[in-house]
Amino acid sequence: MKKLALVLFAATLFATKSNAQFFENGTNVISAGVGLGGHYGSYTYGSQTPAISLQYEKGMWDIGGPGVISLGGYAGIKGYKNSGTSGSYHYSEKWNYTVIGVRSAYHYNGIENEKFDVYGGLMLSYNILSYKFTDNSGGSSTYRGGSYGSNLGLSLYAGGRYLFTDNIGAFAELGYGVSYLTLGVAYKF
């Protein structure tokens, strides 16, 4: 996380002057990322899928200073499986995590680089957890399955994007969604 903060800081110091800004009122960005870290599936055994997220945001409000406020959505998923055997007994457990949220961010435009976007915001989400347990005992084990632990979440995030072409770039984001650090690609239109 410290390296990402240093990269973002260095990019702001060495940004080139330009009249245009990356994120303005009316700008749309779709981003897809893979998450690293997070408490979902942070077990020491079993297997897990990577955290995958999809984000959309649109520049909605100029606030008169060097920035724009955006509004958008977020969806992320992660899965985890564990199984075990003791003699002839075998069991399997599976957790699925889904985060669906509404986000709003402040995009700082004081950098004066049309290829670079620095932002921070807040997300209101519904965090859905589903769990399934199966075994070969022949008895009913539905009491150990179902949906539990689902709840509302409120989180902060901060990130940066850099465009390689007029529309396609990369992003890094710290904060709580389906993971603590998300890296991925962004499409601006």
N, C-alpha and C. Protein backbone atom coordinates (compact mmCIF):
# COMPACT_ATOMS: atom_id res chain seq x y z
N MET A 1 0.81 -1.18 0.00
CA MET A 1 0.00 0.00 0.00
C MET A 1 0.87 1.26 0.00
N LYS A 2 2.01 1.18 0.68
CA LYS A 2 2.89 2.34 0.71
C LYS A 2 3.45 2.62 -0.68
N LYS A 3 3.74 1.56 -1.44
CA LYS A 3 4.28 1.74 -2.79
C LYS A 3 3.26 2.44 -3.69
N LEU A 4 1.99 2.05 -3.57
CA LEU A 4 0.95 2.69 -4.38
C LEU A 4 0.83 4.16 -4.04
N ALA A 5 0.88 4.49 -2.76
CA ALA A 5 0.80 5.89 -2.35
C ALA A 5 1.99 6.68 -2.89
N LEU A 6 3.18 6.08 -2.88
CA LEU A 6 4.37 6.76 -3.42
C LEU A 6 4.25 6.97 -4.93
N VAL A 7 3.73 5.98 -5.64
CA VAL A 7 3.56 6.11 -7.08
C VAL A 7 2.57 7.22 -7.40
N LEU A 8 1.44 7.27 -6.68
CA LEU A 8 0.45 8.32 -6.90
C LEU A 8 1.04 9.70 -6.60
N PHE A 9 1.82 9.81 -5.52
CA PHE A 9 2.44 11.08 -5.16
C PHE A 9 3.46 11.51 -6.22
N ALA A 10 4.29 10.58 -6.67
CA ALA A 10 5.29 10.90 -7.69
C ALA A 10 4.64 11.33 -8.99
N ALA A 11 3.54 10.67 -9.35
CA ALA A 11 2.84 11.03 -10.59
C ALA A 11 2.30 12.46 -10.51
N THR A 12 1.84 12.87 -9.33
CA THR A 12 1.34 14.23 -9.21
C THR A 12 2.46 15.25 -9.30
N LEU A 13 3.64 14.90 -8.83
CA LEU A 13 4.77 15.82 -8.89
C LEU A 13 5.28 16.02 -10.32
N PHE A 14 5.25 14.96 -11.11
CA PHE A 14 5.82 15.01 -12.44
C PHE A 14 4.77 15.12 -13.55
N ALA A 15 3.57 15.45 -13.20
CA ALA A 15 2.49 15.59 -14.18
C ALA A 15 2.79 16.76 -15.12
N THR A 16 2.47 16.57 -16.40
CA THR A 16 2.69 17.62 -17.38
C THR A 16 1.47 18.50 -17.48
N LYS A 17 1.65 19.76 -17.83
CA LYS A 17 0.54 20.71 -17.96
C LYS A 17 -0.26 20.43 -19.23
N SER A 18 -1.57 20.61 -19.10
CA SER A 18 -2.48 20.43 -20.22
C SER A 18 -3.77 21.18 -19.90
N ASN A 19 -4.52 21.55 -20.90
CA ASN A 19 -5.78 22.26 -20.67
C ASN A 19 -6.91 21.31 -20.29
N ALA A 20 -6.87 20.08 -20.75
CA ALA A 20 -7.94 19.13 -20.49
C ALA A 20 -7.69 18.38 -19.18
N GLN A 21 -8.75 17.80 -18.65
CA GLN A 21 -8.69 17.00 -17.43
C GLN A 21 -9.18 15.60 -17.75
N PHE A 22 -8.69 14.62 -17.00
CA PHE A 22 -9.13 13.24 -17.19
C PHE A 22 -10.61 13.12 -16.88
N PHE A 23 -11.03 13.62 -15.73
CA PHE A 23 -12.41 13.42 -15.28
C PHE A 23 -13.11 14.76 -15.16
N GLU A 24 -14.15 14.94 -15.97
CA GLU A 24 -14.93 16.18 -15.99
C GLU A 24 -16.41 15.84 -15.86
N ASN A 25 -17.25 16.86 -15.72
CA ASN A 25 -18.68 16.66 -15.69
C ASN A 25 -19.10 15.98 -17.00
N GLY A 26 -19.81 14.85 -16.91
CA GLY A 26 -20.23 14.11 -18.08
C GLY A 26 -19.31 12.96 -18.47
N THR A 27 -18.12 12.88 -17.89
CA THR A 27 -17.20 11.77 -18.18
C THR A 27 -17.78 10.47 -17.63
N ASN A 28 -17.66 9.39 -18.40
CA ASN A 28 -18.07 8.05 -17.99
C ASN A 28 -16.84 7.15 -17.96
N VAL A 29 -16.74 6.30 -16.95
CA VAL A 29 -15.64 5.34 -16.85
C VAL A 29 -16.20 4.00 -16.37
N ILE A 30 -15.84 2.95 -17.09
CA ILE A 30 -16.12 1.58 -16.66
C ILE A 30 -14.78 0.93 -16.34
N SER A 31 -14.70 0.28 -15.19
CA SER A 31 -13.46 -0.37 -14.77
C SER A 31 -13.73 -1.80 -14.35
N ALA A 32 -12.80 -2.69 -14.66
CA ALA A 32 -12.87 -4.08 -14.23
C ALA A 32 -11.55 -4.40 -13.54
N GLY A 33 -11.64 -5.04 -12.37
CA GLY A 33 -10.41 -5.29 -11.63
C GLY A 33 -10.37 -6.62 -10.93
N VAL A 34 -9.16 -6.96 -10.50
CA VAL A 34 -8.90 -8.15 -9.70
C VAL A 34 -8.38 -7.68 -8.36
N GLY A 35 -8.98 -8.20 -7.30
CA GLY A 35 -8.64 -7.75 -5.96
C GLY A 35 -7.59 -8.59 -5.27
N LEU A 36 -6.84 -7.93 -4.43
CA LEU A 36 -5.82 -8.58 -3.60
C LEU A 36 -6.13 -8.26 -2.15
N GLY A 37 -6.04 -9.26 -1.29
CA GLY A 37 -6.29 -9.03 0.14
C GLY A 37 -7.76 -8.91 0.44
N GLY A 38 -8.07 -8.80 1.70
CA GLY A 38 -9.44 -8.67 2.14
C GLY A 38 -9.80 -9.78 3.09
N HIS A 39 -10.83 -9.57 3.88
CA HIS A 39 -11.20 -10.59 4.86
C HIS A 39 -12.09 -11.66 4.28
N TYR A 40 -12.63 -11.45 3.08
CA TYR A 40 -13.45 -12.50 2.47
C TYR A 40 -12.55 -13.64 2.04
N GLY A 41 -12.76 -14.81 2.61
CA GLY A 41 -11.97 -15.98 2.24
C GLY A 41 -10.55 -15.94 2.74
N SER A 42 -10.28 -15.25 3.82
CA SER A 42 -8.91 -15.15 4.32
C SER A 42 -8.61 -16.32 5.26
N TYR A 43 -8.82 -17.51 4.78
CA TYR A 43 -8.59 -18.70 5.57
C TYR A 43 -7.23 -19.28 5.20
N THR A 44 -6.68 -20.09 6.08
CA THR A 44 -5.36 -20.66 5.85
C THR A 44 -5.42 -22.01 5.15
N TYR A 45 -6.60 -22.51 4.85
CA TYR A 45 -6.73 -23.78 4.16
C TYR A 45 -7.83 -23.65 3.11
N GLY A 46 -7.91 -24.65 2.22
CA GLY A 46 -8.93 -24.61 1.17
C GLY A 46 -8.44 -23.86 -0.05
N SER A 47 -9.36 -23.58 -0.95
CA SER A 47 -9.02 -22.85 -2.18
C SER A 47 -9.97 -21.67 -2.32
N GLN A 48 -9.54 -20.68 -3.08
CA GLN A 48 -10.38 -19.50 -3.27
C GLN A 48 -10.23 -18.96 -4.67
N THR A 49 -11.27 -18.28 -5.10
CA THR A 49 -11.22 -17.60 -6.39
C THR A 49 -10.72 -16.18 -6.17
N PRO A 50 -10.17 -15.57 -7.19
CA PRO A 50 -9.76 -14.17 -7.00
C PRO A 50 -11.00 -13.28 -6.87
N ALA A 51 -10.82 -12.16 -6.20
CA ALA A 51 -11.89 -11.17 -6.09
C ALA A 51 -11.97 -10.42 -7.41
N ILE A 52 -13.15 -10.37 -7.99
CA ILE A 52 -13.35 -9.70 -9.28
C ILE A 52 -14.41 -8.62 -9.09
N SER A 53 -14.14 -7.43 -9.64
CA SER A 53 -15.10 -6.34 -9.49
C SER A 53 -15.31 -5.60 -10.80
N LEU A 54 -16.47 -4.98 -10.90
CA LEU A 54 -16.85 -4.16 -12.04
C LEU A 54 -17.41 -2.86 -11.48
N GLN A 55 -16.95 -1.72 -12.02
CA GLN A 55 -17.36 -0.42 -11.51
C GLN A 55 -17.78 0.47 -12.68
N TYR A 56 -18.71 1.35 -12.40
CA TYR A 56 -19.11 2.37 -13.36
C TYR A 56 -19.28 3.68 -12.60
N GLU A 57 -18.85 4.78 -13.21
CA GLU A 57 -19.12 6.08 -12.62
C GLU A 57 -19.22 7.14 -13.71
N LYS A 58 -19.97 8.18 -13.35
CA LYS A 58 -20.19 9.30 -14.27
C LYS A 58 -19.95 10.60 -13.51
N GLY A 59 -19.24 11.53 -14.15
CA GLY A 59 -19.04 12.85 -13.57
C GLY A 59 -20.36 13.59 -13.54
N MET A 60 -20.80 13.97 -12.34
CA MET A 60 -22.13 14.55 -12.19
C MET A 60 -22.12 16.03 -11.82
N TRP A 61 -21.21 16.44 -10.95
CA TRP A 61 -21.28 17.80 -10.44
C TRP A 61 -19.90 18.47 -10.44
N ASP A 62 -19.79 19.62 -11.13
CA ASP A 62 -18.63 20.49 -10.97
C ASP A 62 -18.85 21.22 -9.66
N ILE A 63 -17.80 21.31 -8.85
CA ILE A 63 -18.00 21.95 -7.55
C ILE A 63 -17.29 23.30 -7.46
N GLY A 64 -16.86 23.83 -8.59
CA GLY A 64 -16.28 25.16 -8.60
C GLY A 64 -14.80 25.21 -8.33
N GLY A 65 -14.24 24.21 -7.73
CA GLY A 65 -12.80 24.16 -7.47
C GLY A 65 -12.14 23.18 -8.42
N PRO A 66 -10.99 22.71 -8.04
CA PRO A 66 -10.31 21.76 -8.93
C PRO A 66 -10.83 20.34 -8.75
N GLY A 67 -12.08 20.12 -9.12
CA GLY A 67 -12.60 18.77 -8.98
C GLY A 67 -14.01 18.59 -9.46
N VAL A 68 -14.38 17.32 -9.59
CA VAL A 68 -15.71 16.89 -10.04
C VAL A 68 -16.16 15.77 -9.11
N ILE A 69 -17.44 15.73 -8.81
CA ILE A 69 -17.99 14.64 -8.02
C ILE A 69 -18.72 13.68 -8.96
N SER A 70 -18.44 12.40 -8.78
CA SER A 70 -19.04 11.37 -9.62
C SER A 70 -20.04 10.54 -8.82
N LEU A 71 -20.89 9.84 -9.55
CA LEU A 71 -21.85 8.91 -8.97
C LEU A 71 -21.82 7.65 -9.81
N GLY A 72 -21.87 6.49 -9.16
CA GLY A 72 -21.80 5.25 -9.94
C GLY A 72 -22.15 4.04 -9.12
N GLY A 73 -21.81 2.88 -9.67
CA GLY A 73 -22.13 1.61 -9.04
C GLY A 73 -20.94 0.68 -8.98
N TYR A 74 -21.08 -0.35 -8.17
CA TYR A 74 -20.00 -1.31 -7.93
C TYR A 74 -20.61 -2.69 -7.75
N ALA A 75 -19.96 -3.71 -8.32
CA ALA A 75 -20.34 -5.10 -8.08
C ALA A 75 -19.06 -5.92 -7.98
N GLY A 76 -18.96 -6.74 -6.96
CA GLY A 76 -17.78 -7.58 -6.79
C GLY A 76 -18.17 -8.95 -6.26
N ILE A 77 -17.35 -9.97 -6.62
CA ILE A 77 -17.59 -11.34 -6.18
C ILE A 77 -16.29 -11.99 -5.74
N LYS A 78 -16.42 -12.95 -4.84
CA LYS A 78 -15.30 -13.77 -4.40
C LYS A 78 -15.87 -15.08 -3.87
N GLY A 79 -15.15 -16.18 -4.07
CA GLY A 79 -15.58 -17.48 -3.59
C GLY A 79 -14.47 -18.21 -2.86
N TYR A 80 -14.88 -19.11 -1.98
CA TYR A 80 -13.94 -19.88 -1.19
C TYR A 80 -14.52 -21.27 -0.96
N LYS A 81 -13.68 -22.31 -1.08
CA LYS A 81 -14.13 -23.68 -0.86
C LYS A 81 -13.19 -24.39 0.10
N ASN A 82 -13.74 -25.29 0.87
CA ASN A 82 -12.97 -26.12 1.77
C ASN A 82 -13.63 -27.49 1.82
N SER A 83 -12.84 -28.52 1.91
CA SER A 83 -13.39 -29.87 2.06
C SER A 83 -12.44 -30.70 2.91
N GLY A 84 -12.98 -31.80 3.44
CA GLY A 84 -12.16 -32.66 4.27
C GLY A 84 -12.73 -34.05 4.34
N THR A 85 -11.87 -34.97 4.79
CA THR A 85 -12.24 -36.37 4.91
C THR A 85 -11.71 -36.90 6.22
N SER A 86 -12.52 -37.70 6.89
CA SER A 86 -12.10 -38.40 8.10
C SER A 86 -12.66 -39.81 8.00
N GLY A 87 -11.80 -40.75 7.66
CA GLY A 87 -12.25 -42.12 7.42
C GLY A 87 -13.14 -42.15 6.19
N SER A 88 -14.38 -42.61 6.36
CA SER A 88 -15.30 -42.66 5.22
C SER A 88 -16.18 -41.40 5.14
N TYR A 89 -16.02 -40.51 6.11
CA TYR A 89 -16.82 -39.28 6.13
C TYR A 89 -16.13 -38.21 5.28
N HIS A 90 -16.94 -37.54 4.44
CA HIS A 90 -16.42 -36.47 3.59
C HIS A 90 -17.39 -35.29 3.65
N TYR A 91 -16.84 -34.08 3.72
CA TYR A 91 -17.68 -32.89 3.72
C TYR A 91 -17.08 -31.84 2.78
N SER A 92 -17.94 -30.90 2.40
CA SER A 92 -17.53 -29.81 1.53
C SER A 92 -18.27 -28.54 1.97
N GLU A 93 -17.54 -27.43 2.03
CA GLU A 93 -18.12 -26.14 2.39
C GLU A 93 -17.79 -25.15 1.28
N LYS A 94 -18.73 -24.24 1.02
CA LYS A 94 -18.50 -23.22 0.00
C LYS A 94 -19.12 -21.90 0.45
N TRP A 95 -18.31 -20.85 0.39
CA TRP A 95 -18.75 -19.50 0.71
C TRP A 95 -18.73 -18.68 -0.58
N ASN A 96 -19.77 -17.91 -0.82
CA ASN A 96 -19.81 -16.96 -1.94
C ASN A 96 -20.10 -15.57 -1.37
N TYR A 97 -19.27 -14.62 -1.76
CA TYR A 97 -19.40 -13.24 -1.30
C TYR A 97 -19.73 -12.36 -2.49
N THR A 98 -20.76 -11.56 -2.37
CA THR A 98 -21.15 -10.61 -3.41
C THR A 98 -21.34 -9.25 -2.75
N VAL A 99 -20.73 -8.23 -3.33
CA VAL A 99 -20.86 -6.87 -2.82
C VAL A 99 -21.47 -6.03 -3.95
N ILE A 100 -22.60 -5.38 -3.67
CA ILE A 100 -23.26 -4.51 -4.64
C ILE A 100 -23.40 -3.15 -3.97
N GLY A 101 -22.92 -2.10 -4.65
CA GLY A 101 -22.93 -0.81 -3.99
C GLY A 101 -23.16 0.38 -4.91
N VAL A 102 -23.45 1.50 -4.27
CA VAL A 102 -23.56 2.80 -4.92
C VAL A 102 -22.39 3.63 -4.40
N ARG A 103 -21.65 4.26 -5.34
CA ARG A 103 -20.45 4.99 -4.97
C ARG A 103 -20.52 6.44 -5.43
N SER A 104 -19.83 7.28 -4.69
CA SER A 104 -19.65 8.66 -5.10
C SER A 104 -18.22 9.05 -4.75
N ALA A 105 -17.56 9.76 -5.66
CA ALA A 105 -16.15 10.10 -5.45
C ALA A 105 -15.87 11.55 -5.83
N TYR A 106 -14.85 12.10 -5.23
CA TYR A 106 -14.32 13.40 -5.60
C TYR A 106 -13.08 13.15 -6.45
N HIS A 107 -13.07 13.68 -7.67
CA HIS A 107 -11.95 13.54 -8.61
C HIS A 107 -11.20 14.86 -8.62
N TYR A 108 -9.97 14.83 -8.13
CA TYR A 108 -9.15 16.03 -8.03
C TYR A 108 -8.57 16.38 -9.40
N ASN A 109 -8.87 17.57 -9.90
CA ASN A 109 -8.41 17.99 -11.22
C ASN A 109 -7.26 19.00 -11.16
N GLY A 110 -6.66 19.20 -10.03
CA GLY A 110 -5.57 20.15 -9.90
C GLY A 110 -4.24 19.65 -10.44
N ILE A 111 -4.18 18.40 -10.85
CA ILE A 111 -2.94 17.82 -11.37
C ILE A 111 -2.61 18.34 -12.76
N GLU A 112 -3.62 18.71 -13.53
CA GLU A 112 -3.46 19.24 -14.88
C GLU A 112 -2.76 18.26 -15.82
N ASN A 113 -3.18 17.02 -15.77
CA ASN A 113 -2.69 15.99 -16.68
C ASN A 113 -3.90 15.23 -17.19
N GLU A 114 -4.16 15.31 -18.48
CA GLU A 114 -5.36 14.69 -19.05
C GLU A 114 -5.33 13.17 -19.01
N LYS A 115 -4.19 12.58 -18.69
CA LYS A 115 -4.09 11.12 -18.64
C LYS A 115 -4.19 10.56 -17.22
N PHE A 116 -4.19 11.41 -16.21
CA PHE A 116 -4.13 10.94 -14.82
C PHE A 116 -5.34 11.42 -14.03
N ASP A 117 -5.92 10.51 -13.25
CA ASP A 117 -7.09 10.79 -12.42
C ASP A 117 -6.82 10.29 -11.00
N VAL A 118 -6.93 11.16 -10.02
CA VAL A 118 -6.81 10.80 -8.61
C VAL A 118 -8.17 11.06 -7.97
N TYR A 119 -8.65 10.11 -7.19
CA TYR A 119 -9.99 10.24 -6.62
C TYR A 119 -10.08 9.56 -5.26
N GLY A 120 -11.09 9.93 -4.52
CA GLY A 120 -11.41 9.30 -3.25
C GLY A 120 -12.90 9.42 -3.02
N GLY A 121 -13.47 8.43 -2.37
CA GLY A 121 -14.92 8.48 -2.21
C GLY A 121 -15.46 7.58 -1.13
N LEU A 122 -16.76 7.41 -1.20
CA LEU A 122 -17.54 6.68 -0.22
C LEU A 122 -18.49 5.73 -0.96
N MET A 123 -18.65 4.52 -0.42
CA MET A 123 -19.56 3.55 -1.03
C MET A 123 -20.53 3.01 0.03
N LEU A 124 -21.80 3.00 -0.32
CA LEU A 124 -22.83 2.34 0.46
C LEU A 124 -23.14 1.03 -0.27
N SER A 125 -23.00 -0.10 0.43
CA SER A 125 -23.15 -1.39 -0.25
C SER A 125 -24.02 -2.34 0.53
N TYR A 126 -24.46 -3.37 -0.16
CA TYR A 126 -25.10 -4.51 0.48
C TYR A 126 -24.16 -5.68 0.25
N ASN A 127 -23.67 -6.27 1.34
CA ASN A 127 -22.71 -7.35 1.29
C ASN A 127 -23.44 -8.67 1.51
N ILE A 128 -23.48 -9.50 0.50
CA ILE A 128 -24.25 -10.73 0.53
C ILE A 128 -23.31 -11.91 0.73
N LEU A 129 -23.58 -12.71 1.74
CA LEU A 129 -22.80 -13.90 2.02
C LEU A 129 -23.72 -15.11 1.93
N SER A 130 -23.34 -16.08 1.12
CA SER A 130 -24.10 -17.34 1.09
C SER A 130 -23.14 -18.48 1.40
N TYR A 131 -23.64 -19.49 2.07
CA TYR A 131 -22.83 -20.61 2.54
C TYR A 131 -23.57 -21.90 2.26
N LYS A 132 -22.81 -22.90 1.80
CA LYS A 132 -23.40 -24.21 1.52
C LYS A 132 -22.51 -25.29 2.12
N PHE A 133 -23.13 -26.21 2.82
CA PHE A 133 -22.42 -27.34 3.43
C PHE A 133 -23.05 -28.63 2.93
N THR A 134 -22.23 -29.55 2.47
CA THR A 134 -22.72 -30.87 2.07
C THR A 134 -21.79 -31.92 2.66
N ASP A 135 -22.36 -33.08 2.94
CA ASP A 135 -21.55 -34.21 3.39
C ASP A 135 -22.17 -35.51 2.90
N ASN A 136 -21.49 -36.60 3.15
CA ASN A 136 -21.99 -37.89 2.69
C ASN A 136 -22.61 -38.71 3.82
N SER A 137 -23.06 -38.06 4.89
CA SER A 137 -23.62 -38.79 6.03
C SER A 137 -25.04 -39.28 5.77
N GLY A 138 -25.69 -38.76 4.74
CA GLY A 138 -27.04 -39.19 4.44
C GLY A 138 -28.10 -38.44 5.22
N GLY A 139 -27.71 -37.75 6.24
CA GLY A 139 -28.66 -36.97 7.03
C GLY A 139 -28.84 -35.59 6.42
N SER A 140 -29.83 -34.90 6.94
CA SER A 140 -30.10 -33.56 6.44
C SER A 140 -29.08 -32.59 7.03
N SER A 141 -28.44 -31.82 6.17
CA SER A 141 -27.47 -30.84 6.65
C SER A 141 -27.83 -29.44 6.18
N THR A 142 -29.11 -29.27 5.83
CA THR A 142 -29.52 -27.95 5.35
C THR A 142 -29.46 -26.89 6.44
N TYR A 143 -29.51 -27.30 7.69
CA TYR A 143 -29.41 -26.32 8.77
C TYR A 143 -28.05 -25.63 8.79
N ARG A 144 -27.08 -26.23 8.14
CA ARG A 144 -25.74 -25.64 8.10
C ARG A 144 -25.51 -24.84 6.84
N GLY A 145 -26.51 -24.69 6.01
CA GLY A 145 -26.36 -23.93 4.78
C GLY A 145 -27.29 -22.74 4.77
N GLY A 146 -27.27 -22.00 3.68
CA GLY A 146 -28.18 -20.87 3.55
C GLY A 146 -27.44 -19.55 3.43
N SER A 147 -28.13 -18.50 3.78
CA SER A 147 -27.57 -17.16 3.70
C SER A 147 -27.52 -16.57 5.10
N TYR A 148 -26.36 -16.12 5.49
CA TYR A 148 -26.22 -15.52 6.80
C TYR A 148 -25.13 -14.45 6.73
N GLY A 149 -25.13 -13.55 7.65
CA GLY A 149 -24.09 -12.54 7.69
C GLY A 149 -24.22 -11.46 6.64
N SER A 150 -25.27 -11.45 5.83
CA SER A 150 -25.47 -10.41 4.84
C SER A 150 -25.85 -9.12 5.56
N ASN A 151 -25.28 -8.00 5.12
CA ASN A 151 -25.57 -6.74 5.80
C ASN A 151 -25.19 -5.54 4.94
N LEU A 152 -25.58 -4.37 5.41
CA LEU A 152 -25.20 -3.12 4.75
C LEU A 152 -23.77 -2.77 5.14
N GLY A 153 -23.07 -2.11 4.23
CA GLY A 153 -21.71 -1.68 4.51
C GLY A 153 -21.50 -0.25 4.05
N LEU A 154 -20.62 0.45 4.72
CA LEU A 154 -20.23 1.80 4.35
C LEU A 154 -18.72 1.83 4.36
N SER A 155 -18.12 2.24 3.25
CA SER A 155 -16.66 2.19 3.17
C SER A 155 -16.09 3.38 2.42
N LEU A 156 -14.82 3.65 2.71
CA LEU A 156 -14.05 4.68 2.02
C LEU A 156 -13.11 4.02 1.04
N TYR A 157 -12.76 4.74 -0.03
CA TYR A 157 -11.79 4.23 -0.98
C TYR A 157 -11.04 5.40 -1.61
N ALA A 158 -9.86 5.10 -2.14
CA ALA A 158 -9.05 6.10 -2.84
C ALA A 158 -8.30 5.38 -3.94
N GLY A 159 -8.08 6.07 -5.06
CA GLY A 159 -7.40 5.42 -6.16
C GLY A 159 -6.88 6.37 -7.19
N GLY A 160 -6.32 5.79 -8.21
CA GLY A 160 -5.80 6.56 -9.33
C GLY A 160 -5.92 5.77 -10.62
N ARG A 161 -6.06 6.51 -11.72
CA ARG A 161 -6.13 5.91 -13.06
C ARG A 161 -5.13 6.61 -13.95
N TYR A 162 -4.61 5.85 -14.90
CA TYR A 162 -3.71 6.44 -15.89
C TYR A 162 -4.11 5.89 -17.26
N LEU A 163 -4.35 6.79 -18.22
CA LEU A 163 -4.73 6.39 -19.57
C LEU A 163 -3.50 6.15 -20.43
N PHE A 164 -3.47 5.03 -21.13
CA PHE A 164 -2.40 4.73 -22.09
C PHE A 164 -2.77 5.22 -23.49
N THR A 165 -4.08 5.23 -23.77
CA THR A 165 -4.60 5.78 -25.02
C THR A 165 -5.63 6.84 -24.63
N ASP A 166 -6.38 7.35 -25.59
CA ASP A 166 -7.42 8.33 -25.26
C ASP A 166 -8.53 7.74 -24.40
N ASN A 167 -8.72 6.41 -24.46
CA ASN A 167 -9.85 5.80 -23.76
C ASN A 167 -9.51 4.65 -22.84
N ILE A 168 -8.35 4.04 -22.97
CA ILE A 168 -8.03 2.82 -22.21
C ILE A 168 -6.84 3.06 -21.29
N GLY A 169 -6.99 2.60 -20.04
CA GLY A 169 -5.92 2.78 -19.08
C GLY A 169 -5.97 1.73 -17.99
N ALA A 170 -5.19 1.98 -16.95
CA ALA A 170 -5.11 1.09 -15.80
C ALA A 170 -5.51 1.86 -14.55
N PHE A 171 -5.91 1.12 -13.52
CA PHE A 171 -6.25 1.77 -12.26
C PHE A 171 -5.78 0.93 -11.08
N ALA A 172 -5.58 1.59 -9.96
CA ALA A 172 -5.29 0.95 -8.68
C ALA A 172 -6.16 1.66 -7.65
N GLU A 173 -6.76 0.86 -6.77
CA GLU A 173 -7.68 1.43 -5.79
C GLU A 173 -7.52 0.74 -4.45
N LEU A 174 -7.38 1.53 -3.41
CA LEU A 174 -7.33 1.04 -2.03
C LEU A 174 -8.68 1.32 -1.38
N GLY A 175 -9.14 0.38 -0.58
CA GLY A 175 -10.40 0.59 0.11
C GLY A 175 -11.11 -0.72 0.26
N TYR A 176 -12.30 -0.66 0.78
CA TYR A 176 -13.03 -1.88 1.04
C TYR A 176 -14.16 -2.06 0.04
N GLY A 177 -14.05 -3.08 -0.75
CA GLY A 177 -15.11 -3.54 -1.62
C GLY A 177 -15.12 -5.04 -1.40
N VAL A 178 -14.79 -5.79 -2.42
CA VAL A 178 -14.65 -7.22 -2.24
C VAL A 178 -13.20 -7.56 -1.89
N SER A 179 -12.31 -6.55 -1.93
CA SER A 179 -10.91 -6.70 -1.54
C SER A 179 -10.38 -5.35 -1.05
N TYR A 180 -9.17 -5.37 -0.49
CA TYR A 180 -8.57 -4.13 0.01
C TYR A 180 -7.81 -3.37 -1.07
N LEU A 181 -7.22 -4.08 -2.02
CA LEU A 181 -6.49 -3.47 -3.13
C LEU A 181 -7.02 -4.07 -4.42
N THR A 182 -7.41 -3.22 -5.36
CA THR A 182 -7.90 -3.69 -6.64
C THR A 182 -7.06 -3.07 -7.75
N LEU A 183 -6.61 -3.91 -8.68
CA LEU A 183 -5.85 -3.48 -9.85
C LEU A 183 -6.62 -3.92 -11.08
N GLY A 184 -6.63 -3.06 -12.12
CA GLY A 184 -7.38 -3.46 -13.29
C GLY A 184 -7.29 -2.48 -14.44
N VAL A 185 -8.21 -2.61 -15.37
CA VAL A 185 -8.27 -1.78 -16.56
C VAL A 185 -9.50 -0.86 -16.49
N ALA A 186 -9.37 0.28 -17.15
CA ALA A 186 -10.45 1.27 -17.16
C ALA A 186 -10.71 1.71 -18.60
N TYR A 187 -11.97 1.96 -18.90
CA TYR A 187 -12.36 2.45 -20.21
C TYR A 187 -13.12 3.76 -20.01
N LYS A 188 -12.62 4.84 -20.59
CA LYS A 188 -13.23 6.16 -20.45
C LYS A 188 -14.01 6.48 -21.74
N PHE A 189 -15.23 6.99 -21.58
CA PHE A 189 -16.02 7.39 -22.76
C PHE A 189 -16.91 8.56 -22.42
